[in-house]
C-alpha atoms as a PDB file:
ATOM      1  CA  MET A   1      47.912  30.008 107.181  1.00  0.00           C
ATOM      2  CA  ASN A   2      48.873  33.679 106.973  1.00  0.00           C
ATOM      3  CA  LYS A   3      51.028  34.864 109.868  1.00  0.00           C
ATOM      4  CA  GLU A   4      52.773  38.099 110.688  1.00  0.00           C
ATOM      5  CA  ASN A   5      56.157  38.288 112.389  1.00  0.00           C
ATOM      6  CA  TYR A   6      57.280  40.660 115.107  1.00  0.00           C
ATOM      7  CA  PHE A   7      60.936  40.398 116.098  1.00  0.00           C
ATOM      8  CA  GLY A   8      60.976  36.691 115.386  1.00  0.00           C
ATOM      9  CA  VAL A   9      57.587  35.898 116.939  1.00  0.00           C
ATOM     10  CA  SER A  10      54.800  34.655 114.672  1.00  0.00           C
ATOM     11  CA  VAL A  11      51.240  35.943 115.121  1.00  0.00           C
ATOM     12  CA  SER A  12      48.242  34.353 113.398  1.00  0.00           C
ATOM     13  CA  SER A  13      46.038  36.643 111.339  1.00  0.00           C
ATOM     14  CA  TYR A  14      42.838  34.586 111.741  1.00  0.00           C
ATOM     15  CA  ASP A  15      39.903  35.946 113.735  1.00  0.00           C
ATOM     16  CA  TYR A  16      37.780  33.716 116.005  1.00  0.00           C
ATOM     17  CA  GLU A  17      35.703  32.243 113.206  1.00  0.00           C
ATOM     18  CA  GLY A  18      38.738  31.672 111.010  1.00  0.00           C
ATOM     19  CA  ILE A  19      40.394  29.692 113.799  1.00  0.00           C
ATOM     20  CA  ILE A  20      37.259  27.644 114.504  1.00  0.00           C
ATOM     21  CA  ASP A  21      36.827  26.833 110.803  1.00  0.00           C
ATOM     22  CA  ASP A  22      40.466  25.785 110.537  1.00  0.00           C
ATOM     23  CA  ILE A  23      40.273  23.681 113.706  1.00  0.00           C
ATOM     24  CA  ARG A  24      37.154  21.955 112.369  1.00  0.00           C
ATOM     25  CA  HIS A  25      39.085  20.965 109.253  1.00  0.00           C
ATOM     26  CA  ARG A  26      42.154  19.873 111.232  1.00  0.00           C
ATOM     27  CA  MET A  27      40.073  17.732 113.582  1.00  0.00           C
ATOM     28  CA  ALA A  28      38.471  16.005 110.610  1.00  0.00           C
ATOM     29  CA  GLU A  29      41.968  15.249 109.317  1.00  0.00           C
ATOM     30  CA  GLY A  30      43.071  13.923 112.723  1.00  0.00           C
ATOM     31  CA  GLU A  31      45.595  16.729 113.251  1.00  0.00           C
ATOM     32  CA  ASN A  32      46.459  18.272 116.617  1.00  0.00           C
ATOM     33  CA  SER A  33      45.994  22.025 117.117  1.00  0.00           C
ATOM     34  CA  THR A  34      47.583  24.198 119.803  1.00  0.00           C
ATOM     35  CA  ILE A  35      46.703  27.764 120.753  1.00  0.00           C
ATOM     36  CA  ILE A  36      48.917  30.280 122.551  1.00  0.00           C
ATOM     37  CA  ALA A  37      48.148  33.916 123.349  1.00  0.00           C
ATOM     38  CA  VAL A  38      50.645  36.570 122.234  1.00  0.00           C
ATOM     39  CA  ASN A  39      50.911  40.135 123.523  1.00  0.00           C
ATOM     40  CA  PRO A  40      53.675  42.790 123.426  1.00  0.00           C
ATOM     41  CA  GLU A  41      55.073  41.707 126.792  1.00  0.00           C
ATOM     42  CA  LYS A  42      55.450  38.146 125.556  1.00  0.00           C
ATOM     43  CA  VAL A  43      57.048  39.267 122.285  1.00  0.00           C
ATOM     44  CA  MET A  44      59.618  41.357 124.165  1.00  0.00           C
ATOM     45  CA  SER A  45      60.365  38.450 126.499  1.00  0.00           C
ATOM     46  CA  ALA A  46      60.651  35.953 123.637  1.00  0.00           C
ATOM     47  CA  GLU A  47      63.163  38.158 121.848  1.00  0.00           C
ATOM     48  CA  LYS A  48      65.531  37.550 124.780  1.00  0.00           C
ATOM     49  CA  ASN A  49      64.481  33.942 125.416  1.00  0.00           C
ATOM     50  CA  PRO A  50      64.994  31.516 122.485  1.00  0.00           C
ATOM     51  CA  GLU A  51      63.125  28.722 124.303  1.00  0.00           C
ATOM     52  CA  LEU A  52      60.048  30.913 124.744  1.00  0.00           C
ATOM     53  CA  MET A  53      60.227  32.038 121.117  1.00  0.00           C
ATOM     54  CA  GLU A  54      60.414  28.433 119.923  1.00  0.00           C
ATOM     55  CA  LEU A  55      57.488  27.522 122.192  1.00  0.00           C
ATOM     56  CA  ILE A  56      55.337  30.309 120.752  1.00  0.00           C
ATOM     57  CA  ASN A  57      56.283  29.692 117.131  1.00  0.00           C
ATOM     58  CA  SER A  58      55.689  25.945 117.380  1.00  0.00           C
ATOM     59  CA  ALA A  59      51.984  26.519 118.195  1.00  0.00           C
ATOM     60  CA  THR A  60      49.375  26.141 115.478  1.00  0.00           C
ATOM     61  CA  TYR A  61      47.747  29.463 116.333  1.00  0.00           C
ATOM     62  CA  GLN A  62      49.458  32.421 118.000  1.00  0.00           C
ATOM     63  CA  ILE A  63      46.429  34.542 118.823  1.00  0.00           C
ATOM     64  CA  PRO A  64      46.822  38.364 119.031  1.00  0.00           C
ATOM     65  CA  ASP A  65      45.760  38.818 122.655  1.00  0.00           C
ATOM     66  CA  GLY A  66      46.768  42.447 123.064  1.00  0.00           C
ATOM     67  CA  ILE A  67      45.909  45.810 121.538  1.00  0.00           C
ATOM     68  CA  GLY A  68      49.643  46.370 120.957  1.00  0.00           C
ATOM     69  CA  ILE A  69      49.694  43.610 118.339  1.00  0.00           C
ATOM     70  CA  ILE A  70      46.764  45.234 116.523  1.00  0.00           C
ATOM     71  CA  LEU A  71      48.472  48.627 116.520  1.00  0.00           C
ATOM     72  CA  ALA A  72      51.740  47.061 115.355  1.00  0.00           C
ATOM     73  CA  SER A  73      49.950  45.347 112.473  1.00  0.00           C
ATOM     74  CA  LYS A  74      48.424  48.662 111.414  1.00  0.00           C
ATOM     75  CA  LEU A  75      51.829  50.362 111.578  1.00  0.00           C
ATOM     76  CA  LYS A  76      53.314  47.639 109.380  1.00  0.00           C
ATOM     77  CA  LYS A  77      50.284  47.536 107.053  1.00  0.00           C
ATOM     78  CA  GLY A  78      49.485  44.009 108.146  1.00  0.00           C
ATOM     79  CA  SER A  79      46.065  42.342 108.160  1.00  0.00           C
ATOM     80  CA  ILE A  80      45.418  41.765 111.884  1.00  0.00           C
ATOM     81  CA  ARG A  81      42.540  44.047 112.815  1.00  0.00           C
ATOM     82  CA  SER A  82      40.922  42.493 115.882  1.00  0.00           C
ATOM     83  CA  ARG A  83      42.066  40.993 119.152  1.00  0.00           C
ATOM     84  CA  VAL A  84      41.598  37.295 119.805  1.00  0.00           C
ATOM     85  CA  THR A  85      41.725  37.038 123.588  1.00  0.00           C
ATOM     86  CA  GLY A  86      42.477  33.831 125.426  1.00  0.00           C
ATOM     87  CA  VAL A  87      39.276  33.821 127.476  1.00  0.00           C
ATOM     88  CA  ASP A  88      37.073  34.657 124.472  1.00  0.00           C
ATOM     89  CA  MET A  89      38.833  32.025 122.354  1.00  0.00           C
ATOM     90  CA  MET A  90      38.069  29.493 125.082  1.00  0.00           C
ATOM     91  CA  ASP A  91      34.436  30.602 125.043  1.00  0.00           C
ATOM     92  CA  ARG A  92      34.246  30.220 121.243  1.00  0.00           C
ATOM     93  CA  LEU A  93      35.710  26.723 121.538  1.00  0.00           C
ATOM     94  CA  LEU A  94      33.161  25.847 124.234  1.00  0.00           C
ATOM     95  CA  LYS A  95      30.328  26.920 121.938  1.00  0.00           C
ATOM     96  CA  PHE A  96      31.921  24.964 119.089  1.00  0.00           C
ATOM     97  CA  ALA A  97      32.108  21.894 121.353  1.00  0.00           C
ATOM     98  CA  ALA A  98      28.478  22.281 122.414  1.00  0.00           C
ATOM     99  CA  ASP A  99      27.227  22.826 118.855  1.00  0.00           C
ATOM    100  CA  GLU A 100      29.201  20.013 117.245  1.00  0.00           C
ATOM    101  CA  GLY A 101      29.353  17.384 119.970  1.00  0.00           C
ATOM    102  CA  HIS A 102      32.991  17.562 121.039  1.00  0.00           C
ATOM    103  CA  ARG A 103      33.999  16.501 124.536  1.00  0.00           C
ATOM    104  CA  VAL A 104      35.846  18.951 126.800  1.00  0.00           C
ATOM    105  CA  PHE A 105      38.308  18.440 129.656  1.00  0.00           C
ATOM    106  CA  MET A 106      39.441  21.198 132.042  1.00  0.00           C
ATOM    107  CA  TYR A 107      42.774  20.851 133.848  1.00  0.00           C
ATOM    108  CA  GLY A 108      44.309  23.270 136.329  1.00  0.00           C
ATOM    109  CA  ALA A 109      43.480  25.895 138.980  1.00  0.00           C
ATOM    110  CA  LYS A 110      42.183  25.254 142.506  1.00  0.00           C
ATOM    111  CA  PRO A 111      39.634  22.444 143.001  1.00  0.00           C
ATOM    112  CA  GLU A 112      36.785  24.820 143.818  1.00  0.00           C
ATOM    113  CA  VAL A 113      37.629  27.058 140.850  1.00  0.00           C
ATOM    114  CA  VAL A 114      37.690  24.371 138.163  1.00  0.00           C
ATOM    115  CA  MET A 115      34.523  22.750 139.540  1.00  0.00           C
ATOM    116  CA  GLN A 116      32.611  26.054 139.668  1.00  0.00           C
ATOM    117  CA  ALA A 117      33.843  27.010 136.203  1.00  0.00           C
ATOM    118  CA  ALA A 118      32.652  23.665 134.803  1.00  0.00           C
ATOM    119  CA  GLU A 119      29.281  24.091 136.487  1.00  0.00           C
ATOM    120  CA  ASN A 120      28.812  27.596 135.082  1.00  0.00           C
ATOM    121  CA  ILE A 121      29.889  26.499 131.591  1.00  0.00           C
ATOM    122  CA  GLN A 122      27.357  23.651 131.705  1.00  0.00           C
ATOM    123  CA  LYS A 123      24.638  26.170 132.565  1.00  0.00           C
ATOM    124  CA  LYS A 124      25.700  28.496 129.747  1.00  0.00           C
ATOM    125  CA  TYR A 125      25.934  25.687 127.183  1.00  0.00           C
ATOM    126  CA  PRO A 126      23.476  22.951 128.280  1.00  0.00           C
ATOM    127  CA  ALA A 127      24.356  20.749 125.302  1.00  0.00           C
ATOM    128  CA  ILE A 128      28.073  20.654 126.118  1.00  0.00           C
ATOM    129  CA  THR A 129      29.797  17.528 127.420  1.00  0.00           C
ATOM    130  CA  ILE A 130      32.297  18.400 130.142  1.00  0.00           C
ATOM    131  CA  ALA A 131      34.002  15.016 130.015  1.00  0.00           C
ATOM    132  CA  GLY A 132      36.099  15.682 133.111  1.00  0.00           C
ATOM    133  CA  THR A 133      37.958  18.120 135.325  1.00  0.00           C
ATOM    134  CA  GLN A 134      41.205  17.942 137.277  1.00  0.00           C
ATOM    135  CA  HIS A 135      42.564  20.556 139.667  1.00  0.00           C
ATOM    136  CA  GLY A 136      46.151  21.675 139.260  1.00  0.00           C
ATOM    137  CA  TYR A 137      47.537  20.202 142.489  1.00  0.00           C
ATOM    138  CA  GLU A 138      47.907  16.565 141.431  1.00  0.00           C
ATOM    139  CA  GLN A 139      51.629  15.757 141.445  1.00  0.00           C
ATOM    140  CA  ASP A 140      51.446  12.467 139.524  1.00  0.00           C
ATOM    141  CA  GLN A 141      51.276  13.600 135.897  1.00  0.00           C
ATOM    142  CA  SER A 142      50.751  10.058 134.653  1.00  0.00           C
ATOM    143  CA  LYS A 143      47.473  10.003 136.596  1.00  0.00           C
ATOM    144  CA  VAL A 144      46.440  13.307 135.014  1.00  0.00           C
ATOM    145  CA  VAL A 145      47.207  12.068 131.497  1.00  0.00           C
ATOM    146  CA  ALA A 146      45.355   8.802 132.138  1.00  0.00           C
ATOM    147  CA  LYS A 147      42.302  10.666 133.488  1.00  0.00           C
ATOM    148  CA  ILE A 148      42.193  12.955 130.458  1.00  0.00           C
ATOM    149  CA  ASN A 149      42.485  10.020 128.058  1.00  0.00           C
ATOM    150  CA  GLU A 150      39.837   8.028 129.924  1.00  0.00           C
ATOM    151  CA  SER A 151      37.451  10.952 129.484  1.00  0.00           C
ATOM    152  CA  LYS A 152      37.812  10.686 125.684  1.00  0.00           C
ATOM    153  CA  ALA A 153      38.089  14.474 125.532  1.00  0.00           C
ATOM    154  CA  ASP A 154      38.505  16.141 122.149  1.00  0.00           C
ATOM    155  CA  ILE A 155      39.390  19.597 123.517  1.00  0.00           C
ATOM    156  CA  LEU A 156      41.692  20.199 126.481  1.00  0.00           C
ATOM    157  CA  PHE A 157      41.997  23.475 128.385  1.00  0.00           C
ATOM    158  CA  VAL A 158      45.025  23.827 130.668  1.00  0.00           C
ATOM    159  CA  ALA A 159      45.072  26.597 133.276  1.00  0.00           C
ATOM    160  CA  MET A 160      48.528  26.931 134.809  1.00  0.00           C
ATOM    161  CA  GLY A 161      49.738  30.319 133.674  1.00  0.00           C
ATOM    162  CA  SER A 162      52.019  30.959 130.712  1.00  0.00           C
ATOM    163  CA  PRO A 163      54.446  29.547 129.692  1.00  0.00           C
ATOM    164  CA  ARG A 164      54.079  26.688 132.199  1.00  0.00           C
ATOM    165  CA  GLN A 165      50.788  25.534 130.674  1.00  0.00           C
ATOM    166  CA  GLU A 166      52.213  25.520 127.135  1.00  0.00           C
ATOM    167  CA  LEU A 167      55.299  23.620 128.307  1.00  0.00           C
ATOM    168  CA  TRP A 168      53.006  21.047 129.938  1.00  0.00           C
ATOM    169  CA  ILE A 169      50.992  20.681 126.732  1.00  0.00           C
ATOM    170  CA  ARG A 170      54.127  20.235 124.645  1.00  0.00           C
ATOM    171  CA  GLU A 171      55.538  17.644 127.041  1.00  0.00           C
ATOM    172  CA  HIS A 172      52.386  15.525 127.225  1.00  0.00           C
ATOM    173  CA  MET A 173      50.580  16.117 123.921  1.00  0.00           C
ATOM    174  CA  ASP A 174      51.933  13.009 122.181  1.00  0.00           C
ATOM    175  CA  GLY A 175      50.506  10.852 124.977  1.00  0.00           C
ATOM    176  CA  LEU A 176      47.082  12.486 124.917  1.00  0.00           C
ATOM    177  CA  HIS A 177      44.143  11.598 122.662  1.00  0.00           C
ATOM    178  CA  ALA A 178      42.656  15.113 122.555  1.00  0.00           C
ATOM    179  CA  LYS A 179      43.031  17.084 119.328  1.00  0.00           C
ATOM    180  CA  VAL A 180      42.748  20.716 120.467  1.00  0.00           C
ATOM    181  CA  PHE A 181      44.902  22.173 123.240  1.00  0.00           C
ATOM    182  CA  GLN A 182      44.684  25.666 124.704  1.00  0.00           C
ATOM    183  CA  GLY A 183      46.550  27.137 127.649  1.00  0.00           C
ATOM    184  CA  VAL A 184      44.028  29.487 129.228  1.00  0.00           C
ATOM    185  CA  GLY A 185      45.823  31.138 132.167  1.00  0.00           C
ATOM    186  CA  GLY A 186      43.267  32.586 134.596  1.00  0.00           C
ATOM    187  CA  SER A 187      40.233  31.919 132.405  1.00  0.00           C
ATOM    188  CA  PHE A 188      38.805  29.310 134.790  1.00  0.00           C
ATOM    189  CA  ASP A 189      38.616  32.064 137.436  1.00  0.00           C
ATOM    190  CA  VAL A 190      36.612  34.188 134.990  1.00  0.00           C
ATOM    191  CA  PHE A 191      34.188  31.377 134.154  1.00  0.00           C
ATOM    192  CA  ALA A 192      33.897  30.544 137.864  1.00  0.00           C
ATOM    193  CA  GLY A 193      32.892  34.142 138.556  1.00  0.00           C
ATOM    194  CA  HIS A 194      35.870  34.735 140.858  1.00  0.00           C
ATOM    195  CA  VAL A 195      37.481  37.344 138.570  1.00  0.00           C
ATOM    196  CA  GLN A 196      35.586  40.079 136.776  1.00  0.00           C
ATOM    197  CA  ARG A 197      36.712  41.185 133.324  1.00  0.00           C
ATOM    198  CA  ALA A 198      36.855  44.804 132.261  1.00  0.00           C
ATOM    199  CA  PRO A 199      33.465  46.247 131.224  1.00  0.00           C
ATOM    200  CA  LYS A 200      32.605  45.587 127.594  1.00  0.00           C
ATOM    201  CA  VAL A 201      33.144  49.222 126.608  1.00  0.00           C
ATOM    202  CA  TYR A 202      36.799  48.959 127.670  1.00  0.00           C
ATOM    203  CA  ARG A 203      37.225  45.632 125.859  1.00  0.00           C
ATOM    204  CA  ASP A 204      35.638  46.965 122.666  1.00  0.00           C
ATOM    205  CA  MET A 205      37.984  49.961 122.675  1.00  0.00           C
ATOM    206  CA  GLY A 206      41.053  47.807 123.292  1.00  0.00           C
ATOM    207  CA  LEU A 207      41.528  49.400 126.713  1.00  0.00           C
ATOM    208  CA  GLU A 208      41.207  46.319 128.902  1.00  0.00           C
ATOM    209  CA  TRP A 209      44.875  46.799 129.826  1.00  0.00           C
ATOM    210  CA  PHE A 210      44.088  50.331 131.088  1.00  0.00           C
ATOM    211  CA  TYR A 211      41.164  49.104 133.186  1.00  0.00           C
ATOM    212  CA  ARG A 212      43.362  46.434 134.762  1.00  0.00           C
ATOM    213  CA  LEU A 213      46.052  49.037 135.419  1.00  0.00           C
ATOM    214  CA  MET A 214      43.527  51.235 137.233  1.00  0.00           C
ATOM    215  CA  LYS A 215      42.475  48.245 139.339  1.00  0.00           C
ATOM    216  CA  GLU A 216      46.045  47.007 139.870  1.00  0.00           C
ATOM    217  CA  PRO A 217      48.505  49.942 139.782  1.00  0.00           C
ATOM    218  CA  GLN A 218      51.338  47.527 140.577  1.00  0.00           C
ATOM    219  CA  ARG A 219      51.043  46.299 136.978  1.00  0.00           C
ATOM    220  CA  PHE A 220      52.556  49.601 135.753  1.00  0.00           C
ATOM    221  CA  LYS A 221      56.040  48.179 135.221  1.00  0.00           C
ATOM    222  CA  ARG A 222      54.668  45.291 133.144  1.00  0.00           C
ATOM    223  CA  GLN A 223      52.547  47.659 131.065  1.00  0.00           C
ATOM    224  CA  LEU A 224      55.667  49.573 130.005  1.00  0.00           C
ATOM    225  CA  ALA A 225      56.246  46.739 127.520  1.00  0.00           C
ATOM    226  CA  LEU A 226      53.454  48.174 125.346  1.00  0.00           C
ATOM    227  CA  PRO A 227      55.010  51.589 124.490  1.00  0.00           C
ATOM    228  CA  LYS A 228      58.472  50.005 124.211  1.00  0.00           C
ATOM    229  CA  PHE A 229      57.129  47.420 121.790  1.00  0.00           C
ATOM    230  CA  LEU A 230      55.287  49.982 119.655  1.00  0.00           C
ATOM    231  CA  ALA A 231      58.322  52.270 119.526  1.00  0.00           C
ATOM    232  CA  LYS A 232      60.460  49.362 118.403  1.00  0.00           C
ATOM    233  CA  VAL A 233      57.923  48.425 115.708  1.00  0.00           C
ATOM    234  CA  LEU A 234      57.710  52.015 114.512  1.00  0.00           C
ATOM    235  CA  PHE A 235      61.455  52.405 114.101  1.00  0.00           C
ATOM    236  CA  SER A 236      62.208  48.918 112.804  1.00  0.00           C
ATOM    237  CA  LYS A 237      62.682  48.269 109.105  1.00  0.00           C
END
């Protein structure tokens, strides 16, 4: 698999369909696949945090969930030309599951959020099998693992926020029977209808970050990672 590297952090060059095709092959071979979203803020944090860098680089797919990664790839004459967002990757996997008969389990978020998200997903993809759900407030992790395994899920979505969700996946993956694992952050809230994404015109232009900044001005400090990252890319060898 072709990957680009930014200050020690790997980023997959596959688009949505490339990832789905590769996952299909890996599932047929009985191999596990993990997905983690990468953006400039996470790259800058990983550069200072070896554990986070190792966590990102150990994933099967490091999806370019940020316009900064696309711009960096262009600056470095790389091949990444489109964002692969966490919520859209989840949606592509849901369609894949519905089309090809794979069972899905959803773990995390508040009880009402995960239940509403599952209900809305079932309406969107009537053929899908939501094998089970579990809210994120169960303290006994052995019960959670047992429930997921009893569901015979093939694809597991974990919504805890990053990097907690990826750490949970890494800790428990060997004891789980699922084959595809994605940490999805606040995506359950989106599918539940509790959080509205930026209008499509902003997403298509790579300006979702700007829309969120307008809605949440307190994010300004976090958004400074984008120009810092691009400046570092521009002046790096």
